């Protein structure tokens, strides 16, 4: 049964990679808006390091779980024994408890949907999509695709992907949960870092979305007002 989990893990890995990989080069500091908050200035300066660290945390858990699953199905092999020795905090037989669960499947579906939704934002904005807040030369107001649903759909996708994949890591039948990893110092540090990254993102998004609205309204004036009236929600329809 656990072998059937590997395609889900790999799909989640791709989703995490897409969600955290910038589609365009970094915007030089001198080309970023001057009238932004100190918090945003700092966030823009570290956002790529933040995204890369988040990517490593998301991908490593899925990849290591897949490795443990394969090793548990070839327990007599020397390499498998070493893998289970280092990646299972207890008897190697604990690896047999890794399995699919409804929460894992639901989390994967939500995570993949979020990544796909965010990817559509990359496509809709093209070269205008950057991880740093910026108004580019010949900037245009994009109001189609995901941007016809909410004004900041890339954040919608990122939130869904991050929380969906988070559910897969701690779901019943997961490597972290069933193989005792959550009880180790390494596991606690990794989970703590993931939660800290999630919280930092959730603090930053409510600060950044209104700032982007302000900059776009300043740039596009009446065109922006018409768009904001037609699409009143920033991230989640009927919520925010």
C-alpha atoms as a PDB file:
ATOM      1  CA  UNK A   1       0.000   0.000   0.000  1.00  0.00           C
ATOM      2  CA  UNK A   2       2.814   2.420   0.866  1.00  0.00           C
ATOM      3  CA  UNK A   3       4.312   2.140  -2.641  1.00  0.00           C
ATOM      4  CA  UNK A   4       1.126   3.724  -3.980  1.00  0.00           C
ATOM      5  CA  UNK A   5       2.020   6.774  -1.911  1.00  0.00           C
ATOM      6  CA  UNK A   6       5.171   7.560  -3.901  1.00  0.00           C
ATOM      7  CA  UNK A   7       3.414   9.164  -6.919  1.00  0.00           C
ATOM      8  CA  UNK A   8       1.532  11.447  -4.505  1.00  0.00           C
ATOM      9  CA  UNK A   9       4.782  12.374  -2.760  1.00  0.00           C
ATOM     10  CA  UNK A  10       6.508  13.158  -6.047  1.00  0.00           C
ATOM     11  CA  UNK A  11       3.534  15.208  -7.229  1.00  0.00           C
ATOM     12  CA  UNK A  12       3.605  17.164  -3.981  1.00  0.00           C
ATOM     13  CA  UNK A  13       7.337  17.710  -4.434  1.00  0.00           C
ATOM     14  CA  UNK A  14       6.767  19.225  -7.874  1.00  0.00           C
ATOM     15  CA  UNK A  15       3.993  21.409  -6.439  1.00  0.00           C
ATOM     16  CA  UNK A  16       6.278  22.698  -3.696  1.00  0.00           C
ATOM     17  CA  UNK A  17       9.030  23.398  -6.212  1.00  0.00           C
ATOM     18  CA  UNK A  18       6.742  25.337  -8.544  1.00  0.00           C
ATOM     19  CA  UNK A  19       5.228  27.339  -5.707  1.00  0.00           C
ATOM     20  CA  UNK A  20       8.572  28.519  -4.301  1.00  0.00           C
ATOM     21  CA  UNK A  21      10.642  28.983  -7.472  1.00  0.00           C
ATOM     22  CA  UNK A  22      10.752  32.559  -8.848  1.00  0.00           C
ATOM     23  CA  UNK A  23       9.691  32.641 -12.520  1.00  0.00           C
ATOM     24  CA  UNK A  24      11.820  35.731 -13.223  1.00  0.00           C
ATOM     25  CA  UNK A  25      15.145  37.214 -12.057  1.00  0.00           C
ATOM     26  CA  UNK A  26      15.337  39.367  -8.962  1.00  0.00           C
ATOM     27  CA  UNK A  27      14.467  43.056  -9.268  1.00  0.00           C
ATOM     28  CA  UNK A  28      17.550  45.187  -8.421  1.00  0.00           C
ATOM     29  CA  UNK A  29      17.047  47.311  -5.272  1.00  0.00           C
ATOM     30  CA  UNK A  30      17.398  50.532  -7.252  1.00  0.00           C
ATOM     31  CA  UNK A  31      14.399  49.523  -9.414  1.00  0.00           C
ATOM     32  CA  UNK A  32      12.073  48.867  -6.474  1.00  0.00           C
ATOM     33  CA  UNK A  33       9.606  51.479  -5.195  1.00  0.00           C
ATOM     34  CA  UNK A  34      10.991  53.962  -2.690  1.00  0.00           C
ATOM     35  CA  UNK A  35       7.724  54.635  -0.893  1.00  0.00           C
ATOM     36  CA  UNK A  36       7.375  51.262   0.832  1.00  0.00           C
ATOM     37  CA  UNK A  37       7.484  50.295   4.486  1.00  0.00           C
ATOM     38  CA  UNK A  38      10.657  49.216   6.265  1.00  0.00           C
ATOM     39  CA  UNK A  39       9.066  45.810   6.790  1.00  0.00           C
ATOM     40  CA  UNK A  40       8.470  45.337   3.058  1.00  0.00           C
ATOM     41  CA  UNK A  41      11.936  46.609   2.205  1.00  0.00           C
ATOM     42  CA  UNK A  42      13.375  43.905   4.458  1.00  0.00           C
ATOM     43  CA  UNK A  43      10.988  41.215   3.192  1.00  0.00           C
ATOM     44  CA  UNK A  44      11.844  41.988  -0.439  1.00  0.00           C
ATOM     45  CA  UNK A  45      15.538  41.697   0.401  1.00  0.00           C
ATOM     46  CA  UNK A  46      15.175  38.220   1.921  1.00  0.00           C
ATOM     47  CA  UNK A  47      12.174  36.814   0.031  1.00  0.00           C
ATOM     48  CA  UNK A  48      14.273  34.622  -2.263  1.00  0.00           C
ATOM     49  CA  UNK A  49      16.273  33.149   0.606  1.00  0.00           C
ATOM     50  CA  UNK A  50      12.995  32.627   2.460  1.00  0.00           C
ATOM     51  CA  UNK A  51      11.440  30.890  -0.562  1.00  0.00           C
ATOM     52  CA  UNK A  52      14.499  28.696  -1.096  1.00  0.00           C
ATOM     53  CA  UNK A  53      14.548  27.637   2.570  1.00  0.00           C
ATOM     54  CA  UNK A  54      10.823  26.888   2.443  1.00  0.00           C
ATOM     55  CA  UNK A  55      11.386  24.865  -0.729  1.00  0.00           C
ATOM     56  CA  UNK A  56      14.104  22.771   0.927  1.00  0.00           C
ATOM     57  CA  UNK A  57      11.855  22.004   3.896  1.00  0.00           C
ATOM     58  CA  UNK A  58       8.898  21.017   1.704  1.00  0.00           C
ATOM     59  CA  UNK A  59      10.842  18.918  -0.770  1.00  0.00           C
ATOM     60  CA  UNK A  60      13.171  17.152   1.675  1.00  0.00           C
ATOM     61  CA  UNK A  61      10.330  15.644   3.707  1.00  0.00           C
ATOM     62  CA  UNK A  62       8.611  14.158   0.644  1.00  0.00           C
ATOM     63  CA  UNK A  63      11.835  12.855  -0.883  1.00  0.00           C
ATOM     64  CA  UNK A  64      13.028  11.272   2.371  1.00  0.00           C
ATOM     65  CA  UNK A  65       9.642   9.624   2.910  1.00  0.00           C
ATOM     66  CA  UNK A  66       9.755   8.132  -0.595  1.00  0.00           C
ATOM     67  CA  UNK A  67      13.269   6.815   0.082  1.00  0.00           C
ATOM     68  CA  UNK A  68      12.132   5.182   3.330  1.00  0.00           C
ATOM     69  CA  UNK A  69       9.171   3.565   1.563  1.00  0.00           C
ATOM     70  CA  UNK A  70      11.417   2.033  -1.098  1.00  0.00           C
ATOM     71  CA  UNK A  71      13.909   0.870   1.542  1.00  0.00           C
ATOM     72  CA  UNK A  72      11.140  -0.767   3.590  1.00  0.00           C
ATOM     73  CA  UNK A  73      10.233  -2.917   0.576  1.00  0.00           C
ATOM     74  CA  UNK A  74      13.811  -4.164   0.160  1.00  0.00           C
ATOM     75  CA  UNK A  75      14.814  -4.614   3.828  1.00  0.00           C
ATOM     76  CA  UNK A  76      17.467  -7.256   3.127  1.00  0.00           C
ATOM     77  CA  UNK A  77      19.569  -4.921   0.989  1.00  0.00           C
ATOM     78  CA  UNK A  78      22.568  -3.392   2.771  1.00  0.00           C
ATOM     79  CA  UNK A  79      21.759   0.136   1.584  1.00  0.00           C
ATOM     80  CA  UNK A  80      18.127  -0.217   2.668  1.00  0.00           C
ATOM     81  CA  UNK A  81      19.227  -1.292   6.124  1.00  0.00           C
ATOM     82  CA  UNK A  82      21.425   1.791   6.451  1.00  0.00           C
ATOM     83  CA  UNK A  83      18.628   4.063   5.239  1.00  0.00           C
ATOM     84  CA  UNK A  84      16.167   2.615   7.735  1.00  0.00           C
ATOM     85  CA  UNK A  85      18.777   2.833  10.480  1.00  0.00           C
ATOM     86  CA  UNK A  86      19.250   6.570   9.965  1.00  0.00           C
ATOM     87  CA  UNK A  87      15.755   7.616   8.865  1.00  0.00           C
ATOM     88  CA  UNK A  88      13.612   5.626  11.299  1.00  0.00           C
ATOM     89  CA  UNK A  89      13.718   6.604  14.971  1.00  0.00           C
ATOM     90  CA  UNK A  90      13.080   3.119  16.287  1.00  0.00           C
ATOM     91  CA  UNK A  91      12.710  -0.399  14.859  1.00  0.00           C
ATOM     92  CA  UNK A  92      12.934  -0.599  11.070  1.00  0.00           C
ATOM     93  CA  UNK A  93       9.500  -2.232  11.092  1.00  0.00           C
ATOM     94  CA  UNK A  94       7.976   1.181  11.859  1.00  0.00           C
ATOM     95  CA  UNK A  95       8.463   2.049   8.186  1.00  0.00           C
ATOM     96  CA  UNK A  96       5.711  -0.439   7.318  1.00  0.00           C
ATOM     97  CA  UNK A  97       3.238   1.862   9.026  1.00  0.00           C
ATOM     98  CA  UNK A  98       3.703   4.471   6.296  1.00  0.00           C
ATOM     99  CA  UNK A  99       0.543   4.456   4.220  1.00  0.00           C
ATOM    100  CA  UNK A 100      -1.995   6.583   2.395  1.00  0.00           C
ATOM    101  CA  UNK A 101      -4.604   8.322   4.524  1.00  0.00           C
ATOM    102  CA  UNK A 102      -7.593  10.522   3.633  1.00  0.00           C
ATOM    103  CA  UNK A 103      -5.880  13.573   5.141  1.00  0.00           C
ATOM    104  CA  UNK A 104      -2.723  12.914   3.115  1.00  0.00           C
ATOM    105  CA  UNK A 105      -4.669  12.598  -0.137  1.00  0.00           C
ATOM    106  CA  UNK A 106      -6.733  15.713   0.614  1.00  0.00           C
ATOM    107  CA  UNK A 107      -3.609  17.677   1.516  1.00  0.00           C
ATOM    108  CA  UNK A 108      -1.893  16.627  -1.697  1.00  0.00           C
ATOM    109  CA  UNK A 109      -4.896  17.638  -3.797  1.00  0.00           C
ATOM    110  CA  UNK A 110      -5.107  21.042  -2.090  1.00  0.00           C
ATOM    111  CA  UNK A 111      -1.350  21.574  -2.381  1.00  0.00           C
ATOM    112  CA  UNK A 112      -1.255  20.683  -6.072  1.00  0.00           C
ATOM    113  CA  UNK A 113      -4.293  22.857  -6.778  1.00  0.00           C
ATOM    114  CA  UNK A 114      -2.641  25.769  -4.982  1.00  0.00           C
ATOM    115  CA  UNK A 115       0.597  25.356  -6.939  1.00  0.00           C
ATOM    116  CA  UNK A 116      -1.280  25.070 -10.247  1.00  0.00           C
ATOM    117  CA  UNK A 117      -3.297  28.187  -9.405  1.00  0.00           C
ATOM    118  CA  UNK A 118      -0.103  30.081  -8.568  1.00  0.00           C
ATOM    119  CA  UNK A 119       1.516  28.865 -11.788  1.00  0.00           C
ATOM    120  CA  UNK A 120      -1.377  30.349 -13.752  1.00  0.00           C
ATOM    121  CA  UNK A 121      -0.501  33.662 -12.098  1.00  0.00           C
ATOM    122  CA  UNK A 122       3.074  33.303 -13.367  1.00  0.00           C
ATOM    123  CA  UNK A 123       1.701  32.809 -16.868  1.00  0.00           C
ATOM    124  CA  UNK A 124      -0.807  35.633 -16.665  1.00  0.00           C
ATOM    125  CA  UNK A 125       1.759  38.195 -15.509  1.00  0.00           C
ATOM    126  CA  UNK A 126       4.702  36.846 -17.497  1.00  0.00           C
ATOM    127  CA  UNK A 127       7.823  38.984 -16.997  1.00  0.00           C
ATOM    128  CA  UNK A 128       5.888  41.241 -14.592  1.00  0.00           C
ATOM    129  CA  UNK A 129       5.724  38.534 -11.918  1.00  0.00           C
ATOM    130  CA  UNK A 130       8.503  38.995  -9.380  1.00  0.00           C
ATOM    131  CA  UNK A 131       8.931  37.916  -5.782  1.00  0.00           C
ATOM    132  CA  UNK A 132       9.864  41.509  -4.919  1.00  0.00           C
ATOM    133  CA  UNK A 133       7.288  44.321  -4.893  1.00  0.00           C
ATOM    134  CA  UNK A 134       7.942  46.381  -8.007  1.00  0.00           C
ATOM    135  CA  UNK A 135       6.368  48.415 -10.794  1.00  0.00           C
ATOM    136  CA  UNK A 136       8.228  47.494 -13.976  1.00  0.00           C
ATOM    137  CA  UNK A 137       8.826  49.532 -17.098  1.00  0.00           C
ATOM    138  CA  UNK A 138       5.796  49.395 -19.384  1.00  0.00           C
ATOM    139  CA  UNK A 139       3.845  47.805 -16.546  1.00  0.00           C
ATOM    140  CA  UNK A 140       0.248  46.887 -17.347  1.00  0.00           C
ATOM    141  CA  UNK A 141      -2.696  45.998 -15.163  1.00  0.00           C
ATOM    142  CA  UNK A 142      -3.528  42.306 -15.596  1.00  0.00           C
ATOM    143  CA  UNK A 143      -7.172  41.523 -14.868  1.00  0.00           C
ATOM    144  CA  UNK A 144      -7.692  38.162 -16.594  1.00  0.00           C
ATOM    145  CA  UNK A 145      -7.300  34.539 -15.540  1.00  0.00           C
ATOM    146  CA  UNK A 146      -6.800  34.149 -11.773  1.00  0.00           C
ATOM    147  CA  UNK A 147      -6.766  37.944 -11.476  1.00  0.00           C
ATOM    148  CA  UNK A 148     -10.430  38.021 -12.443  1.00  0.00           C
ATOM    149  CA  UNK A 149     -11.245  36.058  -9.272  1.00  0.00           C
ATOM    150  CA  UNK A 150      -9.163  37.859  -6.626  1.00  0.00           C
ATOM    151  CA  UNK A 151      -6.639  40.679  -6.901  1.00  0.00           C
ATOM    152  CA  UNK A 152      -3.689  38.766  -5.440  1.00  0.00           C
ATOM    153  CA  UNK A 153      -4.263  35.152  -6.521  1.00  0.00           C
ATOM    154  CA  UNK A 154      -0.587  34.166  -6.296  1.00  0.00           C
ATOM    155  CA  UNK A 155      -0.852  34.495  -2.521  1.00  0.00           C
ATOM    156  CA  UNK A 156      -4.018  32.396  -2.599  1.00  0.00           C
ATOM    157  CA  UNK A 157      -2.149  29.628  -4.398  1.00  0.00           C
ATOM    158  CA  UNK A 158       0.870  29.850  -2.101  1.00  0.00           C
ATOM    159  CA  UNK A 159      -1.263  29.611   1.042  1.00  0.00           C
ATOM    160  CA  UNK A 160      -3.213  26.612  -0.270  1.00  0.00           C
ATOM    161  CA  UNK A 161      -0.034  24.854  -1.381  1.00  0.00           C
ATOM    162  CA  UNK A 162       1.831  25.460   1.884  1.00  0.00           C
ATOM    163  CA  UNK A 163      -0.995  24.332   4.156  1.00  0.00           C
ATOM    164  CA  UNK A 164      -2.010  21.449   1.915  1.00  0.00           C
ATOM    165  CA  UNK A 165       1.497  20.018   1.886  1.00  0.00           C
ATOM    166  CA  UNK A 166       1.835  20.694   5.612  1.00  0.00           C
ATOM    167  CA  UNK A 167      -1.152  18.398   6.168  1.00  0.00           C
ATOM    168  CA  UNK A 168       0.565  15.621   4.201  1.00  0.00           C
ATOM    169  CA  UNK A 169       3.652  15.748   6.411  1.00  0.00           C
ATOM    170  CA  UNK A 170       1.800  15.234   9.694  1.00  0.00           C
ATOM    171  CA  UNK A 171      -1.121  13.102   8.481  1.00  0.00           C
ATOM    172  CA  UNK A 172      -1.646   9.610   9.915  1.00  0.00           C
ATOM    173  CA  UNK A 173       0.573   7.221   7.972  1.00  0.00           C
ATOM    174  CA  UNK A 174       3.262   9.835   7.284  1.00  0.00           C
ATOM    175  CA  UNK A 175       6.982   9.207   7.728  1.00  0.00           C
ATOM    176  CA  UNK A 176       7.343  12.037  10.254  1.00  0.00           C
ATOM    177  CA  UNK A 177       4.518  10.692  12.369  1.00  0.00           C
ATOM    178  CA  UNK A 178       4.830   6.910  12.072  1.00  0.00           C
ATOM    179  CA  UNK A 179       8.627   6.572  12.174  1.00  0.00           C
ATOM    180  CA  UNK A 180       9.152   8.627  15.309  1.00  0.00           C
ATOM    181  CA  UNK A 181      10.770  11.580  13.532  1.00  0.00           C
ATOM    182  CA  UNK A 182       8.489  14.110  15.229  1.00  0.00           C
ATOM    183  CA  UNK A 183       9.913  12.947  18.546  1.00  0.00           C
ATOM    184  CA  UNK A 184      13.537  13.635  17.584  1.00  0.00           C
ATOM    185  CA  UNK A 185      15.371  16.934  17.916  1.00  0.00           C
ATOM    186  CA  UNK A 186      15.945  17.044  14.175  1.00  0.00           C
ATOM    187  CA  UNK A 187      12.260  16.487  13.497  1.00  0.00           C
ATOM    188  CA  UNK A 188      11.199  19.115  16.013  1.00  0.00           C
ATOM    189  CA  UNK A 189      13.618  21.659  14.536  1.00  0.00           C
ATOM    190  CA  UNK A 190      12.447  20.948  10.970  1.00  0.00           C
ATOM    191  CA  UNK A 191       8.760  21.179  11.894  1.00  0.00           C
ATOM    192  CA  UNK A 192       9.427  24.294  13.965  1.00  0.00           C
ATOM    193  CA  UNK A 193      11.223  25.908  11.021  1.00  0.00           C
ATOM    194  CA  UNK A 194       8.334  25.025   8.696  1.00  0.00           C
ATOM    195  CA  UNK A 195       5.739  26.465  11.071  1.00  0.00           C
ATOM    196  CA  UNK A 196       7.872  29.588  11.574  1.00  0.00           C
ATOM    197  CA  UNK A 197       8.113  30.023   7.797  1.00  0.00           C
ATOM    198  CA  UNK A 198       4.341  29.611   7.468  1.00  0.00           C
ATOM    199  CA  UNK A 199       3.671  32.180  10.169  1.00  0.00           C
ATOM    200  CA  UNK A 200       6.161  34.636   8.680  1.00  0.00           C
ATOM    201  CA  UNK A 201       4.420  34.325   5.339  1.00  0.00           C
ATOM    202  CA  UNK A 202       1.012  34.836   6.934  1.00  0.00           C
ATOM    203  CA  UNK A 203       2.234  37.977   8.674  1.00  0.00           C
ATOM    204  CA  UNK A 204       3.801  39.319   5.485  1.00  0.00           C
ATOM    205  CA  UNK A 205       0.929  38.723   3.046  1.00  0.00           C
ATOM    206  CA  UNK A 206      -1.642  40.941   4.856  1.00  0.00           C
ATOM    207  CA  UNK A 207       0.998  43.681   4.917  1.00  0.00           C
ATOM    208  CA  UNK A 208       2.069  43.260   1.307  1.00  0.00           C
ATOM    209  CA  UNK A 209      -1.299  42.955  -0.475  1.00  0.00           C
ATOM    210  CA  UNK A 210      -2.591  46.410   0.609  1.00  0.00           C
ATOM    211  CA  UNK A 211       0.788  47.925  -0.292  1.00  0.00           C
ATOM    212  CA  UNK A 212       0.596  46.435  -3.776  1.00  0.00           C
ATOM    213  CA  UNK A 213      -2.947  47.780  -4.108  1.00  0.00           C
ATOM    214  CA  UNK A 214      -1.709  51.261  -3.199  1.00  0.00           C
ATOM    215  CA  UNK A 215       1.148  51.147  -5.717  1.00  0.00           C
ATOM    216  CA  UNK A 216      -1.103  49.854  -8.499  1.00  0.00           C
ATOM    217  CA  UNK A 217      -3.766  52.458  -7.800  1.00  0.00           C
ATOM    218  CA  UNK A 218      -1.105  55.158  -7.940  1.00  0.00           C
ATOM    219  CA  UNK A 219       0.106  53.792 -11.276  1.00  0.00           C
ATOM    220  CA  UNK A 220      -3.245  53.100 -12.972  1.00  0.00           C
ATOM    221  CA  UNK A 221      -5.694  55.417 -11.130  1.00  0.00           C
ATOM    222  CA  UNK A 222      -9.184  55.072 -12.675  1.00  0.00           C
ATOM    223  CA  UNK A 223      -8.370  51.794 -14.428  1.00  0.00           C
ATOM    224  CA  UNK A 224      -7.448  50.364 -11.041  1.00  0.00           C
ATOM    225  CA  UNK A 225     -10.598  51.721  -9.382  1.00  0.00           C
ATOM    226  CA  UNK A 226     -12.782  50.010 -11.983  1.00  0.00           C
ATOM    227  CA  UNK A 227     -10.891  46.743 -11.523  1.00  0.00           C
ATOM    228  CA  UNK A 228     -11.007  46.896  -7.710  1.00  0.00           C
ATOM    229  CA  UNK A 229     -14.748  47.479  -7.843  1.00  0.00           C
ATOM    230  CA  UNK A 230     -15.246  44.498 -10.144  1.00  0.00           C
ATOM    231  CA  UNK A 231     -12.894  42.259  -8.118  1.00  0.00           C
ATOM    232  CA  UNK A 232     -13.340  43.407  -4.498  1.00  0.00           C
ATOM    233  CA  UNK A 233     -11.499  40.600  -2.711  1.00  0.00           C
ATOM    234  CA  UNK A 234      -7.739  40.436  -2.326  1.00  0.00           C
ATOM    235  CA  UNK A 235      -6.972  36.782  -1.580  1.00  0.00           C
ATOM    236  CA  UNK A 236     -10.050  34.673  -0.762  1.00  0.00           C
ATOM    237  CA  UNK A 237     -13.485  35.422  -2.273  1.00  0.00           C
ATOM    238  CA  UNK A 238     -16.033  36.615   0.307  1.00  0.00           C
ATOM    239  CA  UNK A 239     -13.396  36.408   3.067  1.00  0.00           C
ATOM    240  CA  UNK A 240     -10.551  38.838   2.407  1.00  0.00           C
END
